[in-house]
Amino acid sequence: MTNSTQAKNLSIEISTANYARVIQFIDHADRKAAYFLTIALALYASSLGVLEKATKVFIYMIKDHNFVVLSIFSIVYIAFLISILYAIYKLIDVVKPRLAPKTGQKSILYFQTITQMDLNTFTKAMMDLTAEKLLVELSEQTYNVAFIANRKMELIRIGTIWLIIAGIFGSFYFIGTQIIFAYLNP
């Protein structure tokens, strides 16, 4: 093997490892988002379970003309709903597939491009792939997938922040509902 061939093989090996690492970031982001999404959906569902008690608390506050507590309670519940629903939206956005390549190039390594070919065309394209073309394909795919991984991580960050905010408001909502309901029904 010549030095040029060895250098190309090393570049392909490094590019393949880098591509695989970026794909692992995407897998990690999807798993993390699924975990946080489960928590967010459980928190939302549990808020619905307290809704009957919360309704009784609302009715009592209106009858008692305690509009200050009613307003605070309403604001906390609305803030909880907005923050939990936004967290759920952002976390769902993480696991949603990202299909458009950033470079706009159709790559032989990109699954959508592959599915648009018949088997013979795909096989011929793979057979015609030189080391130089493979290196370009790997580089473009790594570049495209890195943007996808970065976007997913950013969405997880945003979704997690909103989930924490929802947890804070939700705590006040759940605890407040239980305390006031216990006060109403000794």
N, C-alpha and C. Protein backbone atom coordinates (compact mmCIF):
# COMPACT_ATOMS: atom_id res chain seq x y z
N MET A 1 0.83 -1.18 0.00
CA MET A 1 0.00 0.00 0.00
C MET A 1 0.87 1.24 0.00
N THR A 2 0.44 2.20 -0.78
CA THR A 2 1.19 3.46 -0.83
C THR A 2 0.78 4.35 0.34
N ASN A 3 1.58 5.38 0.58
CA ASN A 3 1.26 6.32 1.65
C ASN A 3 -0.07 7.01 1.39
N SER A 4 -0.35 7.30 0.12
CA SER A 4 -1.60 7.96 -0.23
C SER A 4 -2.80 7.07 0.08
N THR A 5 -2.70 5.80 -0.25
CA THR A 5 -3.78 4.86 0.04
C THR A 5 -3.96 4.68 1.54
N GLN A 6 -2.84 4.58 2.26
CA GLN A 6 -2.92 4.45 3.72
C GLN A 6 -3.56 5.68 4.34
N ALA A 7 -3.20 6.85 3.84
CA ALA A 7 -3.77 8.10 4.36
C ALA A 7 -5.28 8.16 4.09
N LYS A 8 -5.70 7.73 2.89
CA LYS A 8 -7.13 7.71 2.57
C LYS A 8 -7.87 6.71 3.46
N ASN A 9 -7.29 5.54 3.64
CA ASN A 9 -7.92 4.53 4.50
C ASN A 9 -8.04 5.02 5.94
N LEU A 10 -6.99 5.70 6.42
CA LEU A 10 -7.03 6.26 7.77
C LEU A 10 -8.09 7.34 7.86
N SER A 11 -8.19 8.18 6.84
CA SER A 11 -9.21 9.23 6.83
C SER A 11 -10.61 8.63 6.81
N ILE A 12 -10.80 7.58 6.04
CA ILE A 12 -12.10 6.90 6.00
C ILE A 12 -12.41 6.28 7.35
N GLU A 13 -11.43 5.67 7.96
CA GLU A 13 -11.62 5.06 9.28
C GLU A 13 -11.99 6.11 10.33
N ILE A 14 -11.29 7.23 10.33
CA ILE A 14 -11.58 8.31 11.27
C ILE A 14 -12.96 8.90 10.99
N SER A 15 -13.28 9.12 9.73
CA SER A 15 -14.59 9.67 9.37
C SER A 15 -15.72 8.72 9.76
N THR A 16 -15.52 7.43 9.56
CA THR A 16 -16.53 6.44 9.94
C THR A 16 -16.75 6.45 11.45
N ALA A 17 -15.66 6.51 12.21
CA ALA A 17 -15.77 6.56 13.68
C ALA A 17 -16.47 7.84 14.13
N ASN A 18 -16.14 8.95 13.49
CA ASN A 18 -16.77 10.22 13.84
C ASN A 18 -18.26 10.20 13.51
N TYR A 19 -18.59 9.65 12.36
CA TYR A 19 -20.00 9.51 11.95
C TYR A 19 -20.76 8.66 12.97
N ALA A 20 -20.18 7.53 13.37
CA ALA A 20 -20.81 6.64 14.35
C ALA A 20 -21.00 7.36 15.69
N ARG A 21 -20.03 8.18 16.08
CA ARG A 21 -20.13 8.91 17.34
C ARG A 21 -21.29 9.92 17.31
N VAL A 22 -21.45 10.60 16.19
CA VAL A 22 -22.54 11.56 16.06
C VAL A 22 -23.89 10.84 16.09
N ILE A 23 -23.97 9.69 15.44
CA ILE A 23 -25.19 8.87 15.47
C ILE A 23 -25.50 8.46 16.92
N GLN A 24 -24.48 8.15 17.71
CA GLN A 24 -24.69 7.80 19.12
C GLN A 24 -25.26 8.98 19.90
N PHE A 25 -24.83 10.20 19.56
CA PHE A 25 -25.39 11.38 20.20
C PHE A 25 -26.89 11.49 19.91
N ILE A 26 -27.27 11.20 18.69
CA ILE A 26 -28.69 11.24 18.32
C ILE A 26 -29.47 10.18 19.09
N ASP A 27 -28.93 8.97 19.16
CA ASP A 27 -29.60 7.90 19.92
C ASP A 27 -29.74 8.29 21.39
N HIS A 28 -28.68 8.87 21.95
CA HIS A 28 -28.71 9.32 23.34
C HIS A 28 -29.77 10.39 23.53
N ALA A 29 -29.85 11.34 22.62
CA ALA A 29 -30.84 12.42 22.71
C ALA A 29 -32.25 11.85 22.65
N ASP A 30 -32.49 10.90 21.76
CA ASP A 30 -33.82 10.30 21.64
C ASP A 30 -34.21 9.55 22.91
N ARG A 31 -33.26 8.80 23.49
CA ARG A 31 -33.56 8.07 24.73
C ARG A 31 -33.81 9.04 25.89
N LYS A 32 -33.01 10.06 25.96
CA LYS A 32 -33.17 11.06 27.03
C LYS A 32 -34.52 11.78 26.89
N ALA A 33 -34.86 12.15 25.68
CA ALA A 33 -36.14 12.82 25.43
C ALA A 33 -37.31 11.90 25.78
N ALA A 34 -37.21 10.63 25.45
CA ALA A 34 -38.28 9.68 25.76
C ALA A 34 -38.45 9.56 27.28
N TYR A 35 -37.35 9.55 28.01
CA TYR A 35 -37.41 9.48 29.47
C TYR A 35 -38.10 10.72 30.04
N PHE A 36 -37.67 11.90 29.61
CA PHE A 36 -38.28 13.14 30.11
C PHE A 36 -39.73 13.28 29.64
N LEU A 37 -40.02 12.80 28.45
CA LEU A 37 -41.38 12.86 27.94
C LEU A 37 -42.31 11.98 28.79
N THR A 38 -41.83 10.84 29.21
CA THR A 38 -42.61 9.97 30.09
C THR A 38 -42.93 10.69 31.40
N ILE A 39 -41.94 11.35 31.97
CA ILE A 39 -42.15 12.11 33.21
C ILE A 39 -43.17 13.23 32.97
N ALA A 40 -43.00 13.96 31.88
CA ALA A 40 -43.90 15.08 31.58
C ALA A 40 -45.33 14.61 31.38
N LEU A 41 -45.52 13.53 30.65
CA LEU A 41 -46.87 13.01 30.43
C LEU A 41 -47.49 12.48 31.72
N ALA A 42 -46.67 11.86 32.57
CA ALA A 42 -47.18 11.38 33.86
C ALA A 42 -47.59 12.56 34.74
N LEU A 43 -46.80 13.60 34.73
CA LEU A 43 -47.12 14.80 35.52
C LEU A 43 -48.41 15.44 35.01
N TYR A 44 -48.55 15.52 33.71
CA TYR A 44 -49.78 16.08 33.13
C TYR A 44 -50.98 15.22 33.49
N ALA A 45 -50.84 13.91 33.34
CA ALA A 45 -51.95 12.99 33.64
C ALA A 45 -52.33 13.07 35.12
N SER A 46 -51.33 13.19 35.98
CA SER A 46 -51.65 13.27 37.41
C SER A 46 -52.36 14.58 37.75
N SER A 47 -52.09 15.64 36.98
CA SER A 47 -52.81 16.90 37.22
C SER A 47 -54.29 16.74 36.89
N LEU A 48 -54.60 15.90 35.94
CA LEU A 48 -55.99 15.65 35.60
C LEU A 48 -56.69 14.85 36.71
N GLY A 49 -55.91 14.02 37.40
CA GLY A 49 -56.47 13.24 38.50
C GLY A 49 -56.85 14.11 39.69
N VAL A 50 -56.24 15.26 39.83
CA VAL A 50 -56.52 16.18 40.94
C VAL A 50 -57.58 17.20 40.53
N LEU A 51 -57.99 17.16 39.29
CA LEU A 51 -58.90 18.17 38.75
C LEU A 51 -60.23 18.24 39.50
N GLU A 52 -60.75 17.10 39.92
CA GLU A 52 -62.02 17.10 40.65
C GLU A 52 -61.89 17.87 41.97
N LYS A 53 -60.82 17.59 42.70
CA LYS A 53 -60.58 18.33 43.95
C LYS A 53 -60.34 19.81 43.66
N ALA A 54 -59.58 20.09 42.62
CA ALA A 54 -59.27 21.48 42.28
C ALA A 54 -60.55 22.23 41.91
N THR A 55 -61.46 21.57 41.23
CA THR A 55 -62.74 22.20 40.87
C THR A 55 -63.53 22.56 42.13
N LYS A 56 -63.55 21.66 43.08
CA LYS A 56 -64.23 21.93 44.35
C LYS A 56 -63.58 23.11 45.08
N VAL A 57 -62.26 23.16 45.02
CA VAL A 57 -61.54 24.28 45.64
C VAL A 57 -61.90 25.58 44.94
N PHE A 58 -61.93 25.57 43.62
CA PHE A 58 -62.31 26.77 42.85
C PHE A 58 -63.73 27.23 43.25
N ILE A 59 -64.66 26.29 43.29
CA ILE A 59 -66.05 26.64 43.62
C ILE A 59 -66.12 27.22 45.03
N TYR A 60 -65.39 26.61 45.96
CA TYR A 60 -65.39 27.12 47.34
C TYR A 60 -64.83 28.54 47.38
N MET A 61 -63.74 28.79 46.65
CA MET A 61 -63.13 30.12 46.65
C MET A 61 -64.08 31.18 46.08
N ILE A 62 -64.82 30.79 45.07
CA ILE A 62 -65.79 31.73 44.47
C ILE A 62 -66.92 32.02 45.46
N LYS A 63 -67.45 30.96 46.09
CA LYS A 63 -68.53 31.14 47.06
C LYS A 63 -68.07 31.95 48.27
N ASP A 64 -66.82 31.75 48.66
CA ASP A 64 -66.27 32.42 49.84
C ASP A 64 -65.76 33.82 49.51
N HIS A 65 -65.84 34.22 48.25
CA HIS A 65 -65.35 35.51 47.77
C HIS A 65 -63.87 35.72 48.10
N ASN A 66 -63.11 34.64 48.06
CA ASN A 66 -61.68 34.70 48.33
C ASN A 66 -60.95 34.77 46.98
N PHE A 67 -61.07 35.93 46.34
CA PHE A 67 -60.58 36.08 44.97
C PHE A 67 -59.06 36.18 44.88
N VAL A 68 -58.42 36.58 45.96
CA VAL A 68 -56.95 36.65 45.94
C VAL A 68 -56.37 35.24 45.85
N VAL A 69 -56.82 34.35 46.72
CA VAL A 69 -56.33 32.97 46.68
C VAL A 69 -56.78 32.30 45.39
N LEU A 70 -57.99 32.58 44.97
CA LEU A 70 -58.49 32.02 43.71
C LEU A 70 -57.62 32.46 42.54
N SER A 71 -57.25 33.73 42.51
CA SER A 71 -56.39 34.25 41.44
C SER A 71 -55.02 33.59 41.46
N ILE A 72 -54.43 33.50 42.65
CA ILE A 72 -53.11 32.85 42.77
C ILE A 72 -53.20 31.40 42.33
N PHE A 73 -54.22 30.71 42.81
CA PHE A 73 -54.42 29.30 42.47
C PHE A 73 -54.60 29.14 40.97
N SER A 74 -55.38 30.03 40.36
CA SER A 74 -55.62 29.97 38.91
C SER A 74 -54.35 30.23 38.13
N ILE A 75 -53.59 31.24 38.55
CA ILE A 75 -52.33 31.57 37.86
C ILE A 75 -51.35 30.41 37.94
N VAL A 76 -51.25 29.80 39.11
CA VAL A 76 -50.35 28.66 39.29
C VAL A 76 -50.76 27.51 38.38
N TYR A 77 -52.06 27.22 38.32
CA TYR A 77 -52.53 26.12 37.48
C TYR A 77 -52.31 26.41 36.00
N ILE A 78 -52.61 27.63 35.58
CA ILE A 78 -52.41 28.01 34.17
C ILE A 78 -50.93 27.97 33.82
N ALA A 79 -50.09 28.47 34.72
CA ALA A 79 -48.63 28.43 34.48
C ALA A 79 -48.15 26.98 34.38
N PHE A 80 -48.69 26.12 35.25
CA PHE A 80 -48.34 24.70 35.18
C PHE A 80 -48.74 24.12 33.83
N LEU A 81 -49.99 24.36 33.41
CA LEU A 81 -50.45 23.80 32.13
C LEU A 81 -49.63 24.28 30.95
N ILE A 82 -49.36 25.58 30.92
CA ILE A 82 -48.57 26.13 29.81
C ILE A 82 -47.17 25.52 29.78
N SER A 83 -46.54 25.46 30.95
CA SER A 83 -45.16 24.96 30.98
C SER A 83 -45.09 23.46 30.69
N ILE A 84 -46.03 22.67 31.20
CA ILE A 84 -45.98 21.23 30.95
C ILE A 84 -46.30 20.92 29.49
N LEU A 85 -47.27 21.62 28.93
CA LEU A 85 -47.60 21.38 27.52
C LEU A 85 -46.48 21.82 26.59
N TYR A 86 -45.80 22.92 26.93
CA TYR A 86 -44.67 23.36 26.11
C TYR A 86 -43.50 22.38 26.24
N ALA A 87 -43.28 21.87 27.44
CA ALA A 87 -42.22 20.86 27.63
C ALA A 87 -42.53 19.62 26.81
N ILE A 88 -43.77 19.17 26.84
CA ILE A 88 -44.17 17.99 26.06
C ILE A 88 -43.96 18.25 24.57
N TYR A 89 -44.36 19.42 24.11
CA TYR A 89 -44.19 19.79 22.70
C TYR A 89 -42.71 19.74 22.29
N LYS A 90 -41.84 20.33 23.11
CA LYS A 90 -40.41 20.36 22.78
C LYS A 90 -39.79 18.96 22.83
N LEU A 91 -40.22 18.14 23.79
CA LEU A 91 -39.67 16.79 23.90
C LEU A 91 -40.16 15.89 22.77
N ILE A 92 -41.38 16.09 22.33
CA ILE A 92 -41.86 15.35 21.16
C ILE A 92 -41.07 15.78 19.92
N ASP A 93 -40.75 17.06 19.87
CA ASP A 93 -39.98 17.59 18.74
C ASP A 93 -38.58 16.95 18.66
N VAL A 94 -38.06 16.50 19.80
CA VAL A 94 -36.75 15.84 19.80
C VAL A 94 -36.82 14.51 19.06
N VAL A 95 -37.82 13.71 19.36
CA VAL A 95 -37.89 12.37 18.78
C VAL A 95 -38.48 12.36 17.37
N LYS A 96 -39.00 13.50 16.94
CA LYS A 96 -39.52 13.61 15.57
C LYS A 96 -38.34 13.48 14.60
N PRO A 97 -38.49 12.68 13.56
CA PRO A 97 -37.37 12.49 12.62
C PRO A 97 -36.98 13.79 11.91
N ARG A 98 -35.71 13.95 11.69
CA ARG A 98 -35.16 15.08 10.94
C ARG A 98 -34.68 14.51 9.60
N LEU A 99 -35.34 14.89 8.52
CA LEU A 99 -35.07 14.23 7.25
C LEU A 99 -34.27 15.06 6.26
N ALA A 100 -34.39 16.35 6.28
CA ALA A 100 -33.73 17.16 5.26
C ALA A 100 -32.24 17.32 5.56
N PRO A 101 -31.39 16.91 4.65
CA PRO A 101 -29.96 17.11 4.88
C PRO A 101 -29.59 18.58 4.82
N LYS A 102 -28.67 18.98 5.67
CA LYS A 102 -28.25 20.38 5.75
C LYS A 102 -27.54 20.80 4.45
N THR A 103 -26.78 19.91 3.86
CA THR A 103 -26.02 20.25 2.65
C THR A 103 -26.89 20.28 1.40
N GLY A 104 -28.05 19.64 1.44
CA GLY A 104 -28.91 19.59 0.27
C GLY A 104 -28.46 18.57 -0.77
N GLN A 105 -27.40 17.84 -0.46
CA GLN A 105 -26.87 16.83 -1.38
C GLN A 105 -27.53 15.48 -1.11
N LYS A 106 -27.76 14.73 -2.17
CA LYS A 106 -28.29 13.37 -2.01
C LYS A 106 -27.10 12.44 -1.83
N SER A 107 -27.04 11.82 -0.68
CA SER A 107 -25.92 10.96 -0.34
C SER A 107 -26.30 9.49 -0.49
N ILE A 108 -25.38 8.71 -0.98
CA ILE A 108 -25.58 7.27 -1.11
C ILE A 108 -25.67 6.61 0.27
N LEU A 109 -25.23 7.32 1.31
CA LEU A 109 -25.28 6.79 2.67
C LEU A 109 -26.53 7.23 3.42
N TYR A 110 -27.34 8.08 2.81
CA TYR A 110 -28.53 8.62 3.46
C TYR A 110 -29.71 7.71 3.15
N PHE A 111 -30.46 7.30 4.19
CA PHE A 111 -31.49 6.28 4.02
C PHE A 111 -32.59 6.69 3.05
N GLN A 112 -32.96 7.98 3.01
CA GLN A 112 -34.01 8.39 2.07
C GLN A 112 -33.53 8.27 0.63
N THR A 113 -32.28 8.63 0.39
CA THR A 113 -31.72 8.50 -0.95
C THR A 113 -31.70 7.03 -1.37
N ILE A 114 -31.30 6.17 -0.45
CA ILE A 114 -31.23 4.73 -0.74
C ILE A 114 -32.61 4.19 -1.10
N THR A 115 -33.64 4.60 -0.34
CA THR A 115 -34.99 4.06 -0.60
C THR A 115 -35.60 4.59 -1.89
N GLN A 116 -35.03 5.64 -2.45
CA GLN A 116 -35.53 6.18 -3.70
C GLN A 116 -34.92 5.47 -4.91
N MET A 117 -33.98 4.56 -4.66
CA MET A 117 -33.32 3.80 -5.73
C MET A 117 -33.86 2.38 -5.75
N ASP A 118 -33.78 1.76 -6.93
CA ASP A 118 -34.06 0.33 -6.93
C ASP A 118 -32.78 -0.39 -6.53
N LEU A 119 -32.87 -1.68 -6.29
CA LEU A 119 -31.73 -2.45 -5.79
C LEU A 119 -30.54 -2.41 -6.74
N ASN A 120 -30.79 -2.53 -8.02
CA ASN A 120 -29.68 -2.54 -9.00
C ASN A 120 -28.95 -1.20 -9.03
N THR A 121 -29.71 -0.11 -8.98
CA THR A 121 -29.09 1.22 -9.00
C THR A 121 -28.26 1.43 -7.74
N PHE A 122 -28.80 1.01 -6.61
CA PHE A 122 -28.07 1.16 -5.35
C PHE A 122 -26.80 0.31 -5.36
N THR A 123 -26.91 -0.92 -5.81
CA THR A 123 -25.75 -1.82 -5.87
C THR A 123 -24.68 -1.25 -6.79
N LYS A 124 -25.07 -0.73 -7.95
CA LYS A 124 -24.11 -0.13 -8.89
C LYS A 124 -23.45 1.10 -8.26
N ALA A 125 -24.22 1.93 -7.59
CA ALA A 125 -23.66 3.13 -6.96
C ALA A 125 -22.65 2.74 -5.88
N MET A 126 -22.93 1.69 -5.12
CA MET A 126 -21.98 1.24 -4.09
C MET A 126 -20.73 0.65 -4.73
N MET A 127 -20.90 -0.05 -5.83
CA MET A 127 -19.74 -0.65 -6.52
C MET A 127 -18.85 0.43 -7.13
N ASP A 128 -19.46 1.52 -7.57
CA ASP A 128 -18.71 2.61 -8.19
C ASP A 128 -18.08 3.57 -7.17
N LEU A 129 -18.34 3.34 -5.91
CA LEU A 129 -17.85 4.23 -4.87
C LEU A 129 -16.35 4.08 -4.68
N THR A 130 -15.63 5.14 -4.94
CA THR A 130 -14.17 5.13 -4.74
C THR A 130 -13.87 5.60 -3.31
N ALA A 131 -12.63 5.45 -2.92
CA ALA A 131 -12.22 5.90 -1.58
C ALA A 131 -12.45 7.40 -1.42
N GLU A 132 -12.16 8.17 -2.47
CA GLU A 132 -12.35 9.63 -2.41
C GLU A 132 -13.83 9.98 -2.26
N LYS A 133 -14.67 9.30 -3.08
CA LYS A 133 -16.11 9.56 -3.01
C LYS A 133 -16.67 9.14 -1.65
N LEU A 134 -16.20 8.01 -1.12
CA LEU A 134 -16.65 7.53 0.18
C LEU A 134 -16.30 8.54 1.27
N LEU A 135 -15.10 9.09 1.20
CA LEU A 135 -14.68 10.08 2.19
C LEU A 135 -15.56 11.33 2.13
N VAL A 136 -15.91 11.74 0.90
CA VAL A 136 -16.80 12.90 0.74
C VAL A 136 -18.19 12.57 1.30
N GLU A 137 -18.70 11.40 0.95
CA GLU A 137 -20.03 10.97 1.43
C GLU A 137 -20.05 10.92 2.97
N LEU A 138 -19.02 10.32 3.56
CA LEU A 138 -18.96 10.23 5.02
C LEU A 138 -18.88 11.62 5.65
N SER A 139 -18.08 12.48 5.06
CA SER A 139 -17.94 13.84 5.59
C SER A 139 -19.25 14.60 5.52
N GLU A 140 -19.94 14.53 4.39
CA GLU A 140 -21.24 15.22 4.25
C GLU A 140 -22.27 14.66 5.22
N GLN A 141 -22.32 13.34 5.34
CA GLN A 141 -23.28 12.73 6.25
C GLN A 141 -22.98 13.10 7.70
N THR A 142 -21.73 13.08 8.08
CA THR A 142 -21.35 13.47 9.44
C THR A 142 -21.75 14.90 9.70
N TYR A 143 -21.52 15.76 8.74
CA TYR A 143 -21.89 17.17 8.85
C TYR A 143 -23.40 17.32 9.03
N ASN A 144 -24.17 16.64 8.19
CA ASN A 144 -25.64 16.70 8.27
C ASN A 144 -26.15 16.15 9.61
N VAL A 145 -25.64 15.02 10.01
CA VAL A 145 -26.10 14.37 11.22
C VAL A 145 -25.68 15.18 12.47
N ALA A 146 -24.56 15.86 12.39
CA ALA A 146 -24.12 16.70 13.51
C ALA A 146 -25.13 17.83 13.76
N PHE A 147 -25.67 18.40 12.70
CA PHE A 147 -26.70 19.43 12.85
C PHE A 147 -27.96 18.85 13.50
N ILE A 148 -28.32 17.64 13.11
CA ILE A 148 -29.48 16.98 13.70
C ILE A 148 -29.23 16.72 15.18
N ALA A 149 -28.07 16.20 15.53
CA ALA A 149 -27.73 15.93 16.93
C ALA A 149 -27.74 17.22 17.75
N ASN A 150 -27.17 18.27 17.20
CA ASN A 150 -27.13 19.55 17.90
C ASN A 150 -28.54 20.09 18.15
N ARG A 151 -29.41 19.99 17.16
CA ARG A 151 -30.78 20.47 17.30
C ARG A 151 -31.53 19.67 18.36
N LYS A 152 -31.35 18.36 18.35
CA LYS A 152 -32.01 17.51 19.33
C LYS A 152 -31.55 17.85 20.74
N MET A 153 -30.25 18.05 20.93
CA MET A 153 -29.73 18.40 22.26
C MET A 153 -30.27 19.75 22.72
N GLU A 154 -30.38 20.69 21.82
CA GLU A 154 -30.93 22.00 22.16
C GLU A 154 -32.40 21.88 22.57
N LEU A 155 -33.16 21.07 21.85
CA LEU A 155 -34.56 20.87 22.20
C LEU A 155 -34.72 20.16 23.55
N ILE A 156 -33.83 19.23 23.85
CA ILE A 156 -33.86 18.58 25.16
C ILE A 156 -33.61 19.60 26.26
N ARG A 157 -32.64 20.48 26.04
CA ARG A 157 -32.33 21.51 27.02
C ARG A 157 -33.56 22.38 27.28
N ILE A 158 -34.20 22.83 26.22
CA ILE A 158 -35.38 23.68 26.35
C ILE A 158 -36.53 22.91 27.02
N GLY A 159 -36.78 21.69 26.56
CA GLY A 159 -37.85 20.87 27.13
C GLY A 159 -37.62 20.58 28.61
N THR A 160 -36.38 20.33 28.98
CA THR A 160 -36.05 20.04 30.37
C THR A 160 -36.26 21.27 31.26
N ILE A 161 -35.86 22.43 30.78
CA ILE A 161 -36.08 23.66 31.54
C ILE A 161 -37.57 23.86 31.79
N TRP A 162 -38.37 23.69 30.75
CA TRP A 162 -39.82 23.86 30.90
C TRP A 162 -40.43 22.77 31.78
N LEU A 163 -39.86 21.58 31.74
CA LEU A 163 -40.32 20.50 32.62
C LEU A 163 -40.05 20.85 34.08
N ILE A 164 -38.89 21.41 34.36
CA ILE A 164 -38.56 21.84 35.73
C ILE A 164 -39.51 22.94 36.18
N ILE A 165 -39.76 23.91 35.30
CA ILE A 165 -40.71 24.99 35.62
C ILE A 165 -42.09 24.39 35.91
N ALA A 166 -42.51 23.45 35.08
CA ALA A 166 -43.80 22.79 35.29
C ALA A 166 -43.82 22.05 36.62
N GLY A 167 -42.70 21.43 36.96
CA GLY A 167 -42.61 20.73 38.24
C GLY A 167 -42.78 21.66 39.43
N ILE A 168 -42.20 22.85 39.31
CA ILE A 168 -42.33 23.84 40.39
C ILE A 168 -43.78 24.29 40.52
N PHE A 169 -44.38 24.73 39.42
CA PHE A 169 -45.78 25.15 39.47
C PHE A 169 -46.70 23.99 39.83
N GLY A 170 -46.40 22.81 39.31
CA GLY A 170 -47.20 21.63 39.61
C GLY A 170 -47.16 21.29 41.10
N SER A 171 -46.00 21.44 41.71
CA SER A 171 -45.89 21.17 43.15
C SER A 171 -46.82 22.09 43.93
N PHE A 172 -46.80 23.37 43.60
CA PHE A 172 -47.69 24.32 44.27
C PHE A 172 -49.16 23.97 44.01
N TYR A 173 -49.44 23.59 42.79
CA TYR A 173 -50.82 23.22 42.42
C TYR A 173 -51.28 21.99 43.19
N PHE A 174 -50.46 20.91 43.16
CA PHE A 174 -50.85 19.67 43.82
C PHE A 174 -50.95 19.85 45.34
N ILE A 175 -49.93 20.44 45.92
CA ILE A 175 -49.92 20.62 47.37
C ILE A 175 -51.02 21.59 47.80
N GLY A 176 -51.17 22.69 47.07
CA GLY A 176 -52.22 23.66 47.38
C GLY A 176 -53.60 23.04 47.32
N THR A 177 -53.83 22.26 46.28
CA THR A 177 -55.13 21.59 46.15
C THR A 177 -55.39 20.66 47.33
N GLN A 178 -54.40 19.88 47.70
CA GLN A 178 -54.57 18.93 48.80
C GLN A 178 -54.80 19.65 50.13
N ILE A 179 -54.04 20.72 50.38
CA ILE A 179 -54.18 21.44 51.65
C ILE A 179 -55.55 22.12 51.73
N ILE A 180 -55.92 22.84 50.68
CA ILE A 180 -57.21 23.55 50.71
C ILE A 180 -58.36 22.56 50.74
N PHE A 181 -58.24 21.46 50.00
CA PHE A 181 -59.31 20.44 50.01
C PHE A 181 -59.43 19.82 51.39
N ALA A 182 -58.32 19.56 52.06
CA ALA A 182 -58.35 19.00 53.41
C ALA A 182 -58.98 20.01 54.37
N TYR A 183 -58.72 21.27 54.17
CA TYR A 183 -59.29 22.33 55.00
C TYR A 183 -60.80 22.38 54.82
N LEU A 184 -61.27 22.17 53.58
CA LEU A 184 -62.70 22.20 53.28
C LEU A 184 -63.43 20.97 53.81
N ASN A 185 -62.74 19.85 53.86
CA ASN A 185 -63.35 18.58 54.29
C ASN A 185 -62.58 18.01 55.48
N PRO A 186 -62.79 18.57 56.67
CA PRO A 186 -62.03 18.09 57.84
C PRO A 186 -62.43 16.69 58.26
